N, C-alpha and C. Protein backbone atom coordinates (compact mmCIF):
# COMPACT_ATOMS: atom_id res chain seq x y z
N MET A 1 84.89 105.87 118.71
CA MET A 1 84.85 106.76 118.21
C MET A 1 84.93 108.26 118.46
N THR A 2 85.81 108.78 118.14
CA THR A 2 86.17 110.19 117.69
C THR A 2 86.11 110.96 117.81
N ALA A 3 86.59 112.01 118.70
CA ALA A 3 85.67 113.81 118.82
C ALA A 3 86.03 114.59 118.44
N SER A 4 86.09 113.89 117.10
CA SER A 4 85.17 114.76 116.22
C SER A 4 84.33 114.30 114.75
N ALA A 5 84.52 112.72 115.51
CA ALA A 5 82.68 111.44 114.62
C ALA A 5 81.47 111.93 115.46
N LEU A 6 82.04 112.33 117.08
CA LEU A 6 81.04 112.09 117.74
C LEU A 6 80.18 113.83 117.06
N PHE A 7 80.70 114.44 116.68
CA PHE A 7 80.56 116.01 117.19
C PHE A 7 79.63 116.35 114.88
N TRP A 8 80.17 115.44 114.06
CA TRP A 8 79.40 115.53 113.41
C TRP A 8 78.27 115.37 113.28
N ASP A 9 77.67 113.45 114.16
CA ASP A 9 76.67 112.75 114.51
C ASP A 9 75.96 113.40 114.81
N ARG A 10 76.33 114.56 115.68
CA ARG A 10 75.61 115.60 116.64
C ARG A 10 74.85 115.85 115.58
N ILE A 11 75.09 116.68 115.25
CA ILE A 11 74.48 117.55 114.55
C ILE A 11 74.17 117.92 113.35
N ALA A 12 74.43 116.14 112.34
CA ALA A 12 74.67 115.64 111.13
C ALA A 12 72.65 116.25 110.23
N LYS A 13 71.64 115.66 110.99
CA LYS A 13 70.71 116.46 111.54
C LYS A 13 70.16 117.36 110.59
N ARG A 14 70.12 118.74 111.41
CA ARG A 14 70.40 119.90 111.27
C ARG A 14 71.14 120.41 110.12
N TYR A 15 72.82 119.87 110.19
CA TYR A 15 73.91 119.94 108.84
C TYR A 15 72.80 119.98 107.62
N SER A 16 72.26 119.00 107.53
CA SER A 16 71.34 118.63 106.44
C SER A 16 70.20 119.41 105.70
N LYS A 17 69.59 120.17 106.59
CA LYS A 17 68.35 120.45 106.79
C LYS A 17 68.89 122.34 106.13
N SER A 18 70.27 122.48 106.88
CA SER A 18 70.97 124.23 106.42
C SER A 18 70.81 124.30 105.10
N PRO A 19 70.64 125.92 105.09
CA PRO A 19 70.80 126.39 103.60
C PRO A 19 72.40 126.24 102.87
N VAL A 20 72.82 125.87 101.47
CA VAL A 20 73.97 127.07 100.57
C VAL A 20 74.21 128.31 101.38
N SER A 21 75.20 128.42 101.96
CA SER A 21 75.60 129.34 102.20
C SER A 21 75.09 130.76 101.21
N ASN A 22 75.53 130.16 99.35
CA ASN A 22 75.96 131.23 98.67
C ASN A 22 75.32 129.83 98.09
N LYS A 23 74.78 130.42 97.25
CA LYS A 23 73.88 129.25 96.74
C LYS A 23 74.85 129.36 94.16
N LYS A 24 74.69 130.40 94.29
CA LYS A 24 75.49 130.36 93.17
C LYS A 24 76.75 130.70 92.81
N VAL A 25 77.98 131.75 93.81
CA VAL A 25 78.17 130.44 94.40
C VAL A 25 78.90 128.23 94.34
N TYR A 26 78.33 128.47 94.92
CA TYR A 26 78.21 126.40 94.66
C TYR A 26 77.62 125.90 93.43
N GLU A 27 76.80 126.70 92.82
CA GLU A 27 76.50 126.17 90.93
C GLU A 27 77.44 126.31 90.13
N ARG A 28 78.14 127.70 90.88
CA ARG A 28 79.29 127.53 89.58
C ARG A 28 80.70 126.71 90.38
N LYS A 29 80.78 126.38 91.58
CA LYS A 29 81.88 125.09 91.55
C LYS A 29 81.21 123.89 91.17
N LEU A 30 79.32 123.62 91.35
CA LEU A 30 79.23 122.45 90.55
C LEU A 30 79.73 122.05 89.29
N GLU A 31 79.71 123.73 88.30
CA GLU A 31 79.65 123.27 87.83
C GLU A 31 80.32 123.23 86.68
N ILE A 32 81.69 123.29 87.52
CA ILE A 32 82.97 123.60 86.59
C ILE A 32 83.34 121.83 86.73
N THR A 33 83.76 121.69 87.91
CA THR A 33 83.57 120.26 88.13
C THR A 33 83.11 119.34 87.44
N LYS A 34 81.73 119.21 86.93
CA LYS A 34 81.58 118.64 86.07
C LYS A 34 81.93 119.56 84.49
N SER A 35 82.54 119.79 84.10
CA SER A 35 83.83 120.28 82.81
C SER A 35 84.38 119.79 83.14
N TYR A 36 85.57 118.14 84.34
CA TYR A 36 85.80 117.47 84.71
C TYR A 36 85.90 116.25 84.02
N LEU A 37 84.62 115.75 83.83
CA LEU A 37 84.73 115.04 84.26
C LEU A 37 84.12 114.19 82.81
N SER A 38 83.65 112.46 82.79
CA SER A 38 83.14 112.29 81.56
C SER A 38 81.82 110.81 81.79
N PRO A 39 81.56 110.13 81.19
CA PRO A 39 81.04 108.90 81.68
C PRO A 39 81.75 108.18 82.12
N GLU A 40 82.74 107.88 82.07
CA GLU A 40 83.59 106.71 82.86
C GLU A 40 84.51 107.02 83.25
N SER A 41 84.18 108.49 84.61
CA SER A 41 84.98 108.71 85.66
C SER A 41 84.39 107.98 87.08
N GLU A 42 85.95 108.08 87.00
CA GLU A 42 85.68 106.69 88.49
C GLU A 42 85.96 107.87 89.41
N ILE A 43 84.99 108.62 91.16
CA ILE A 43 85.79 109.45 91.73
C ILE A 43 85.42 109.03 92.84
N LEU A 44 86.45 110.07 94.15
CA LEU A 44 86.50 109.76 95.30
C LEU A 44 85.89 111.03 95.63
N GLU A 45 84.81 110.65 96.93
CA GLU A 45 85.05 112.61 97.23
C GLU A 45 85.61 112.36 99.06
N LEU A 46 86.29 112.94 99.49
CA LEU A 46 86.50 113.02 100.79
C LEU A 46 86.05 113.38 100.96
N GLY A 47 84.98 113.34 102.70
CA GLY A 47 84.44 114.67 103.85
C GLY A 47 83.41 114.86 103.51
N CYS A 48 81.86 113.47 102.62
CA CYS A 48 81.06 114.11 101.98
C CYS A 48 80.28 114.41 102.42
N GLY A 49 80.46 114.04 103.51
CA GLY A 49 79.08 114.83 104.60
C GLY A 49 77.24 114.37 104.07
N THR A 50 76.42 115.65 103.69
CA THR A 50 75.89 114.02 103.53
C THR A 50 75.34 113.81 102.12
N GLY A 51 76.06 113.69 100.95
CA GLY A 51 76.07 114.13 99.98
C GLY A 51 75.37 114.86 98.50
N SER A 52 75.63 115.62 98.52
CA SER A 52 74.84 116.76 97.92
C SER A 52 75.89 116.26 96.74
N THR A 53 77.04 116.81 97.04
CA THR A 53 77.85 117.18 95.95
C THR A 53 78.13 115.74 95.08
N ALA A 54 77.92 114.78 95.89
CA ALA A 54 78.26 113.18 95.26
C ALA A 54 76.50 113.08 94.20
N LEU A 55 75.39 113.52 95.42
CA LEU A 55 74.35 113.50 93.95
C LEU A 55 74.12 114.17 92.90
N TYR A 56 74.78 115.53 93.03
CA TYR A 56 74.29 116.20 92.31
C TYR A 56 75.28 115.84 90.85
N HIS A 57 76.24 114.87 91.02
CA HIS A 57 77.52 114.74 89.85
C HIS A 57 77.72 113.65 89.50
N SER A 58 76.39 112.61 89.76
CA SER A 58 75.75 111.04 89.53
C SER A 58 75.70 110.85 88.61
N PRO A 59 74.99 111.35 87.65
CA PRO A 59 74.55 111.87 86.59
C PRO A 59 75.32 111.54 85.61
N PHE A 60 76.49 112.37 86.03
CA PHE A 60 77.55 112.53 85.05
C PHE A 60 78.73 111.64 85.43
N VAL A 61 78.80 110.69 86.22
CA VAL A 61 80.25 110.09 85.79
C VAL A 61 79.43 107.59 86.13
N LYS A 62 80.89 107.05 85.99
CA LYS A 62 80.28 106.14 86.10
C LYS A 62 79.65 105.24 87.43
N HIS A 63 80.97 106.16 88.95
CA HIS A 63 80.73 105.93 89.74
C HIS A 63 81.15 106.60 90.92
N ILE A 64 81.17 106.93 91.49
CA ILE A 64 81.51 108.05 93.22
C ILE A 64 81.32 106.43 94.38
N THR A 65 82.90 106.91 94.61
CA THR A 65 83.23 106.27 95.92
C THR A 65 82.97 107.29 97.12
N ALA A 66 82.10 107.68 97.54
CA ALA A 66 81.62 108.89 99.12
C ALA A 66 82.19 107.88 100.36
N ILE A 67 83.44 108.61 101.78
CA ILE A 67 83.42 107.84 102.27
C ILE A 67 83.66 109.87 103.39
N ASP A 68 82.69 109.52 104.68
CA ASP A 68 82.92 109.88 105.48
C ASP A 68 83.13 110.34 107.23
N ILE A 69 83.68 110.58 108.06
CA ILE A 69 83.29 109.60 109.29
C ILE A 69 82.55 109.94 110.58
N SER A 70 80.82 110.55 109.62
CA SER A 70 79.87 110.34 109.67
C SER A 70 79.06 109.00 110.48
N LYS A 71 78.44 107.97 111.26
CA LYS A 71 77.84 107.78 110.17
C LYS A 71 76.94 108.05 110.51
N ASN A 72 75.51 109.06 111.30
CA ASN A 72 74.17 109.88 110.42
C ASN A 72 74.75 110.39 109.15
N MET A 73 75.64 110.73 108.82
CA MET A 73 76.09 112.08 107.55
C MET A 73 75.40 111.00 106.80
N LEU A 74 75.95 109.82 106.92
CA LEU A 74 75.81 108.78 105.76
C LEU A 74 74.91 108.37 105.22
N ASP A 75 74.48 107.92 106.62
CA ASP A 75 73.29 107.78 106.44
C ASP A 75 71.90 108.15 105.53
N ILE A 76 71.83 109.92 106.07
CA ILE A 76 70.95 110.97 105.27
C ILE A 76 71.85 110.28 103.91
N ALA A 77 72.92 110.35 103.57
CA ALA A 77 73.53 110.59 102.47
C ALA A 77 72.78 109.19 101.30
N GLN A 78 71.77 107.99 102.43
CA GLN A 78 72.69 107.13 101.31
C GLN A 78 71.03 107.10 102.18
N GLN A 79 70.51 107.93 102.36
CA GLN A 79 68.65 108.04 101.56
C GLN A 79 68.00 108.39 101.10
N LYS A 80 68.77 110.36 100.62
CA LYS A 80 69.01 110.68 99.86
C LYS A 80 69.14 109.83 98.04
N ALA A 81 70.34 108.31 98.91
CA ALA A 81 70.07 108.31 97.49
C ALA A 81 69.17 107.43 96.92
N ALA A 82 69.15 106.73 98.12
CA ALA A 82 67.95 105.62 97.80
C ALA A 82 66.35 106.13 97.50
N ASP A 83 65.91 107.84 97.83
CA ASP A 83 64.90 108.98 97.51
C ASP A 83 64.96 110.00 95.80
N ALA A 84 66.10 109.65 95.31
CA ALA A 84 66.10 110.00 94.05
C ALA A 84 66.59 108.75 93.00
N ASN A 85 66.88 107.71 93.61
CA ASN A 85 66.95 106.52 92.69
C ASN A 85 67.85 106.08 92.11
N ILE A 86 69.41 106.60 93.20
CA ILE A 86 71.14 107.16 92.50
C ILE A 86 71.30 105.80 92.66
N THR A 87 71.30 105.11 91.91
CA THR A 87 72.53 103.38 92.60
C THR A 87 74.40 103.04 91.95
N ASN A 88 74.83 104.47 91.74
CA ASN A 88 75.74 103.77 91.22
C ASN A 88 76.90 104.94 92.06
N ILE A 89 76.88 105.37 93.76
CA ILE A 89 78.08 105.76 94.46
C ILE A 89 77.77 104.98 95.89
N SER A 90 78.17 104.64 96.15
CA SER A 90 78.93 103.93 96.93
C SER A 90 79.81 104.67 98.70
N PHE A 91 78.10 104.63 99.53
CA PHE A 91 78.78 105.55 100.92
C PHE A 91 79.44 105.06 101.59
N LYS A 92 80.61 104.84 102.33
CA LYS A 92 81.57 104.26 103.32
C LYS A 92 81.81 104.89 104.37
N GLN A 93 81.85 104.81 105.51
CA GLN A 93 82.75 105.50 107.25
C GLN A 93 83.80 104.92 107.14
N SER A 94 84.12 105.43 106.75
CA SER A 94 85.82 105.70 106.26
C SER A 94 86.93 107.06 107.28
N THR A 95 87.68 107.31 107.57
CA THR A 95 88.99 108.34 107.64
C THR A 95 90.42 108.48 106.44
N ILE A 96 89.29 109.09 106.25
CA ILE A 96 91.38 109.20 104.52
C ILE A 96 92.02 108.28 105.32
N ASP A 97 92.87 108.58 106.30
CA ASP A 97 93.88 107.44 106.47
C ASP A 97 93.27 106.13 106.70
N ASP A 98 92.66 106.30 107.27
CA ASP A 98 91.96 104.23 107.49
C ASP A 98 91.25 103.51 105.76
N PHE A 99 90.96 104.80 104.93
CA PHE A 99 90.58 104.38 103.18
C PHE A 99 91.77 103.44 102.40
N ASN A 100 91.69 102.29 101.10
CA ASN A 100 92.30 102.01 101.66
C ASN A 100 91.90 101.38 99.29
N ALA A 101 92.75 102.33 98.43
CA ALA A 101 92.71 101.62 97.51
C ALA A 101 93.86 101.87 96.66
N PRO A 102 94.18 101.01 95.70
CA PRO A 102 95.27 101.00 95.04
C PRO A 102 95.73 102.94 94.44
N ASP A 103 96.96 102.06 94.26
CA ASP A 103 97.26 103.34 93.70
C ASP A 103 96.21 103.68 91.80
N GLY A 104 96.10 105.29 91.55
CA GLY A 104 96.01 105.46 90.12
C GLY A 104 94.59 104.43 90.23
N SER A 105 93.71 104.47 91.07
CA SER A 105 92.14 103.85 91.56
C SER A 105 91.47 105.28 90.33
N TYR A 106 91.27 105.90 90.67
CA TYR A 106 90.09 107.13 90.62
C TYR A 106 91.16 108.54 89.23
N ASP A 107 90.14 108.67 88.63
CA ASP A 107 89.61 109.72 88.25
C ASP A 107 89.24 110.97 88.15
N MET A 108 89.02 111.57 89.15
CA MET A 108 88.65 112.69 90.57
C MET A 108 88.82 112.33 91.71
N VAL A 109 89.81 113.02 93.37
CA VAL A 109 89.40 112.75 94.30
C VAL A 109 88.98 114.52 93.98
N MET A 110 87.91 114.27 95.09
CA MET A 110 87.00 115.78 95.57
C MET A 110 87.25 116.13 96.73
N ALA A 111 87.81 117.41 97.60
CA ALA A 111 87.82 116.86 99.02
C ALA A 111 87.08 118.93 99.85
N HIS A 112 85.85 118.69 99.73
CA HIS A 112 85.87 119.70 100.08
C HIS A 112 84.93 119.86 101.67
N SER A 113 85.45 120.99 101.92
CA SER A 113 85.51 120.95 102.94
C SER A 113 85.49 120.85 104.21
N ILE A 114 86.46 119.99 104.08
CA ILE A 114 87.45 119.35 104.01
C ILE A 114 89.02 118.96 105.32
N LEU A 115 89.63 120.28 104.24
CA LEU A 115 91.45 120.12 104.62
C LEU A 115 91.77 121.25 105.97
N HIS A 116 90.15 121.51 106.33
CA HIS A 116 91.44 122.33 107.08
C HIS A 116 90.00 121.83 108.76
N LEU A 117 89.62 120.63 108.39
CA LEU A 117 89.61 120.06 109.77
C LEU A 117 90.81 118.64 109.91
N LEU A 118 91.54 119.06 109.15
CA LEU A 118 92.56 117.77 109.07
C LEU A 118 93.37 118.08 110.06
N PRO A 119 93.87 116.80 111.10
CA PRO A 119 95.64 117.60 111.37
C PRO A 119 95.97 117.57 110.62
N ASN A 120 96.58 117.03 109.38
CA ASN A 120 97.55 117.02 108.24
C ASN A 120 97.21 117.78 106.72
N LYS A 121 96.14 118.20 105.88
CA LYS A 121 95.82 118.37 104.74
C LYS A 121 97.68 118.24 103.96
N ALA A 122 98.89 117.59 104.11
CA ALA A 122 99.78 118.07 103.26
C ALA A 122 99.60 116.16 103.16
N HIS A 123 99.61 115.76 104.62
CA HIS A 123 99.30 113.80 103.81
C HIS A 123 98.05 113.86 102.99
N ALA A 124 97.04 114.83 103.31
CA ALA A 124 95.88 113.91 102.80
C ALA A 124 95.59 114.37 100.94
N ILE A 125 96.18 115.34 100.95
CA ILE A 125 96.47 115.57 99.63
C ILE A 125 97.29 115.07 98.44
N LYS A 126 99.03 114.13 99.03
CA LYS A 126 99.95 113.91 98.91
C LYS A 126 99.06 112.21 98.40
N LYS A 127 98.04 112.02 99.45
CA LYS A 127 97.86 110.54 99.11
C LYS A 127 96.43 110.34 97.71
N ALA A 128 95.34 111.70 97.92
CA ALA A 128 95.07 112.42 96.63
C ALA A 128 95.33 112.09 95.68
N TYR A 129 96.68 112.97 95.81
CA TYR A 129 97.54 112.40 94.34
C TYR A 129 98.02 110.78 94.59
N ASN A 130 97.80 109.86 95.09
CA ASN A 130 99.18 108.70 95.03
C ASN A 130 97.58 108.14 94.46
N LEU A 131 96.58 108.21 94.86
CA LEU A 131 94.91 107.93 94.58
C LEU A 131 94.43 107.95 92.77
N LEU A 132 95.05 108.88 92.36
CA LEU A 132 94.51 108.69 91.12
C LEU A 132 95.24 109.29 90.46
N LYS A 133 94.64 108.80 89.16
CA LYS A 133 94.83 108.49 87.80
C LYS A 133 96.32 109.02 86.55
N PRO A 134 96.83 109.06 85.83
CA PRO A 134 97.66 109.78 85.31
C PRO A 134 96.73 110.48 85.05
N GLY A 135 96.75 111.60 85.12
CA GLY A 135 95.12 113.12 84.47
C GLY A 135 95.02 112.78 85.52
N GLY A 136 94.70 112.57 85.94
CA GLY A 136 94.07 113.13 87.24
C GLY A 136 93.49 113.74 87.97
N VAL A 137 92.31 114.49 88.94
CA VAL A 137 91.86 116.22 88.08
C VAL A 137 91.38 115.42 90.30
N PHE A 138 92.26 116.47 90.30
CA PHE A 138 91.63 117.24 91.47
C PHE A 138 91.15 118.44 92.95
N VAL A 139 89.76 118.35 93.12
CA VAL A 139 88.69 119.17 93.58
C VAL A 139 88.82 119.66 95.05
N SER A 140 89.26 121.00 95.25
CA SER A 140 89.27 121.67 96.16
C SER A 140 87.94 122.19 97.46
N SER A 141 86.51 123.05 97.46
CA SER A 141 86.70 124.06 98.59
C SER A 141 86.48 124.14 99.68
N THR A 142 88.05 124.71 99.86
CA THR A 142 88.72 124.50 101.69
C THR A 142 88.84 125.85 102.23
N PHE A 143 88.04 126.44 103.12
CA PHE A 143 88.00 127.67 104.53
C PHE A 143 89.71 127.39 104.97
N CYS A 144 89.58 129.13 104.52
CA CYS A 144 90.86 129.04 104.88
C CYS A 144 91.36 129.99 106.29
N GLY A 145 90.40 130.81 106.50
CA GLY A 145 90.36 131.45 107.61
C GLY A 145 90.74 132.89 107.49
N ARG A 146 90.52 133.32 106.68
CA ARG A 146 91.44 134.70 106.82
C ARG A 146 90.13 135.58 107.32
N GLY A 147 90.53 137.18 106.84
CA GLY A 147 90.10 138.39 107.38
C GLY A 147 89.88 137.93 108.63
N LYS A 148 87.81 138.41 108.62
CA LYS A 148 86.81 138.61 110.13
C LYS A 148 87.32 137.48 110.97
N VAL A 149 87.51 136.19 110.27
CA VAL A 149 87.45 134.82 110.83
C VAL A 149 88.11 134.49 112.23
N LYS A 150 89.65 135.29 111.82
CA LYS A 150 90.66 134.99 112.63
C LYS A 150 90.73 135.91 113.83
N LEU A 151 89.68 136.90 113.61
CA LEU A 151 89.23 137.55 115.46
C LEU A 151 88.49 136.38 116.11
N LEU A 152 87.99 134.97 115.20
CA LEU A 152 87.34 133.98 116.01
C LEU A 152 87.91 132.74 116.68
N ARG A 153 89.59 133.09 116.34
CA ARG A 153 90.16 132.27 116.53
C ARG A 153 90.26 131.64 118.24
N PRO A 154 90.44 132.50 118.84
CA PRO A 154 90.02 131.44 120.09
C PRO A 154 89.33 130.63 120.85
N PHE A 155 88.05 131.78 120.69
CA PHE A 155 86.47 130.82 120.68
C PHE A 155 86.74 129.35 120.02
N LEU A 156 86.68 129.51 118.72
CA LEU A 156 87.09 128.00 117.69
C LEU A 156 87.91 126.80 118.75
N ALA A 157 89.23 127.41 119.24
CA ALA A 157 89.79 126.41 119.61
C ALA A 157 88.91 126.41 120.86
N LEU A 158 88.09 127.74 122.40
CA LEU A 158 87.90 127.19 122.66
C LEU A 158 86.11 126.31 122.76
N GLY A 159 86.00 126.45 121.97
CA GLY A 159 85.38 125.63 121.24
C GLY A 159 85.53 124.03 121.04
N ALA A 160 86.39 124.19 120.97
CA ALA A 160 86.95 122.48 120.25
C ALA A 160 87.66 122.61 121.17
N PHE A 161 87.88 122.70 121.86
CA PHE A 161 88.44 121.52 123.21
C PHE A 161 87.95 121.19 124.45
N PHE A 162 86.11 122.26 124.67
CA PHE A 162 85.04 120.98 125.02
C PHE A 162 84.26 120.38 124.59
N GLY A 163 84.82 120.70 122.38
CA GLY A 163 84.03 119.25 122.14
C GLY A 163 83.05 119.90 120.81
N LEU A 164 81.64 120.54 121.08
CA LEU A 164 82.03 121.85 121.11
C LEU A 164 81.16 121.89 119.68
N LEU A 165 82.85 121.76 119.55
CA LEU A 165 83.59 122.89 117.67
C LEU A 165 84.47 121.41 116.93
N PRO A 166 84.15 121.60 115.78
CA PRO A 166 85.52 120.54 115.49
C PRO A 166 86.84 121.57 115.41
N LYS A 167 87.84 120.27 115.20
CA LYS A 167 89.51 121.64 115.28
C LYS A 167 89.34 123.00 113.94
N ILE A 168 89.22 123.30 114.34
CA ILE A 168 89.93 123.60 112.89
C ILE A 168 90.91 124.50 112.34
N SER A 169 91.76 124.14 111.47
CA SER A 169 93.44 124.59 110.81
C SER A 169 93.38 126.43 110.23
N PHE A 170 93.82 127.70 110.17
CA PHE A 170 93.75 127.96 109.38
C PHE A 170 95.15 128.28 108.78
N PHE A 171 95.33 128.45 107.56
CA PHE A 171 95.65 128.62 106.55
C PHE A 171 95.77 130.10 105.62
N SER A 172 96.71 130.01 104.44
CA SER A 172 96.05 131.62 103.90
C SER A 172 96.03 130.45 102.09
N PRO A 173 95.52 131.04 101.45
CA PRO A 173 94.95 130.60 100.52
C PRO A 173 96.54 130.38 99.96
N GLU A 174 97.14 130.67 99.57
CA GLU A 174 98.73 130.47 98.84
C GLU A 174 99.13 129.49 99.73
N SER A 175 98.99 129.08 100.62
CA SER A 175 99.31 127.81 102.03
C SER A 175 99.16 127.20 101.15
N LEU A 176 97.49 127.35 101.23
CA LEU A 176 97.08 126.03 100.60
C LEU A 176 97.46 125.59 98.89
N GLN A 177 97.72 126.51 98.05
CA GLN A 177 97.91 126.65 96.81
C GLN A 177 99.60 125.59 97.15
N MET A 178 100.05 125.61 97.42
CA MET A 178 102.11 125.69 97.40
C MET A 178 101.44 123.89 98.54
N SER A 179 101.06 123.96 99.41
CA SER A 179 100.87 122.49 100.12
C SER A 179 100.60 121.96 98.52
N ILE A 180 98.92 122.35 97.14
CA ILE A 180 99.25 121.35 96.33
C ILE A 180 99.95 121.03 95.09
N LYS A 181 100.17 121.83 94.85
CA LYS A 181 101.93 122.00 93.84
C LYS A 181 102.76 120.56 94.67
N ASP A 182 103.42 120.99 96.06
CA ASP A 182 104.22 120.68 96.54
C ASP A 182 103.82 118.31 96.37
N ALA A 183 102.29 118.45 96.08
CA ALA A 183 102.15 117.41 96.14
C ALA A 183 102.57 116.61 94.86
N GLY A 184 102.55 117.62 93.65
CA GLY A 184 103.24 117.71 92.65
C GLY A 184 101.92 116.62 91.51
N PHE A 185 101.34 118.00 91.91
CA PHE A 185 99.56 118.55 91.27
C PHE A 185 100.59 120.00 90.40
N ARG A 186 99.38 120.13 89.35
CA ARG A 186 99.71 121.47 88.25
C ARG A 186 98.26 122.03 88.34
N LEU A 187 97.78 122.89 89.37
CA LEU A 187 96.56 123.86 89.03
C LEU A 187 96.60 124.92 88.19
N ASP A 188 94.46 124.47 87.72
CA ASP A 188 94.62 124.51 86.78
C ASP A 188 93.62 126.26 86.97
N HIS A 189 93.04 125.84 87.99
CA HIS A 189 91.55 127.08 87.76
C HIS A 189 91.70 126.54 89.30
N VAL A 190 91.88 128.11 90.42
CA VAL A 190 91.91 128.80 91.47
C VAL A 190 90.61 129.85 91.38
N TRP A 191 89.70 129.50 91.96
CA TRP A 191 89.31 131.21 92.22
C TRP A 191 88.54 131.11 94.01
N LEU A 192 88.98 132.16 94.26
CA LEU A 192 88.79 133.04 95.85
C LEU A 192 87.75 133.49 95.26
N PRO A 193 86.02 133.81 95.66
CA PRO A 193 85.06 134.35 95.29
C PRO A 193 84.67 135.15 96.20
N GLU A 194 84.80 136.16 95.42
CA GLU A 194 84.80 137.87 96.55
C GLU A 194 83.64 137.76 97.94
N ASN A 195 84.39 138.22 98.85
CA ASN A 195 83.35 138.16 100.84
C ASN A 195 83.63 136.40 100.37
N SER A 196 84.85 135.37 100.41
CA SER A 196 84.21 133.99 100.63
C SER A 196 85.73 133.74 101.21
N ASP A 197 85.83 132.65 102.69
CA ASP A 197 86.65 132.49 103.12
C ASP A 197 87.37 130.89 102.46
N ALA A 198 86.27 130.99 101.05
CA ALA A 198 86.99 129.13 101.00
C ALA A 198 87.74 128.94 99.44
N LEU A 199 88.27 128.63 99.02
CA LEU A 199 89.49 128.75 98.34
C LEU A 199 88.97 127.45 97.75
N PHE A 200 88.41 127.44 95.54
CA PHE A 200 87.97 126.40 94.97
C PHE A 200 89.37 126.40 94.08
N VAL A 201 89.94 125.31 94.43
CA VAL A 201 89.93 124.55 93.23
C VAL A 201 90.95 123.26 92.32
N VAL A 202 90.76 123.64 91.78
CA VAL A 202 91.14 122.43 90.56
C VAL A 202 92.33 122.24 90.18
N ALA A 203 93.31 120.97 90.53
CA ALA A 203 94.16 121.28 90.83
C ALA A 203 94.96 119.13 89.17
N LEU A 204 95.94 119.37 88.70
CA LEU A 204 95.57 118.40 88.07
C LEU A 204 97.07 116.96 87.70
N LYS A 205 96.83 116.25 88.50
CA LYS A 205 98.12 115.40 88.13
C LYS A 205 98.30 115.20 86.79
N PRO A 206 100.43 115.15 86.78
CA PRO A 206 100.53 114.55 85.32
C PRO A 206 100.77 113.22 84.84
N SER A 207 99.66 113.70 83.24
CA SER A 207 99.67 112.65 83.05
C SER A 207 100.91 111.53 83.18
N HIS A 208 102.25 111.68 82.88
CA HIS A 208 103.00 110.55 82.35
C HIS A 208 104.37 112.13 83.43
């Protein structure tokens, strides 16, 4: 088990009980995402955590495959799904690199709060591109670490070194948008909420 998986396993229960930092912004992101869904949509969520986003979207789609590296996170997600009698989500323990599915399998790939935790965000974005059907949708809300957060970088790096925090990559919103476009996507909706470090992006794979 990787140090990152151990970290998320350790904080899973506390994470599941922590409130959304900005509920109004979160709900707006959910509504925007929902507008791209249909009852026949096949969805993949990368880094699903305790399943809140997958559970919200499940009534509007055919099926969701939700992966995460943390078994404890997934256990909580599965229990939440069982308690809500939701049966169209498959939770699987996997890294993004290890996850296998045929190219063109999904109508949407969601990657929320995960790209900044990866050693190579460009690789993950390109994998999402390949897994999408022509005309498919990539949706991401990603911490970019601008503003005052820059002052905390030495402390965050030290915490990651001792396994107390996950390793975090810092990049600008512009850099993230460029990485998404470089993968072949067309940006369809870009939103950086006021006083937020998380860039919300909806990008489309060309239909042909």
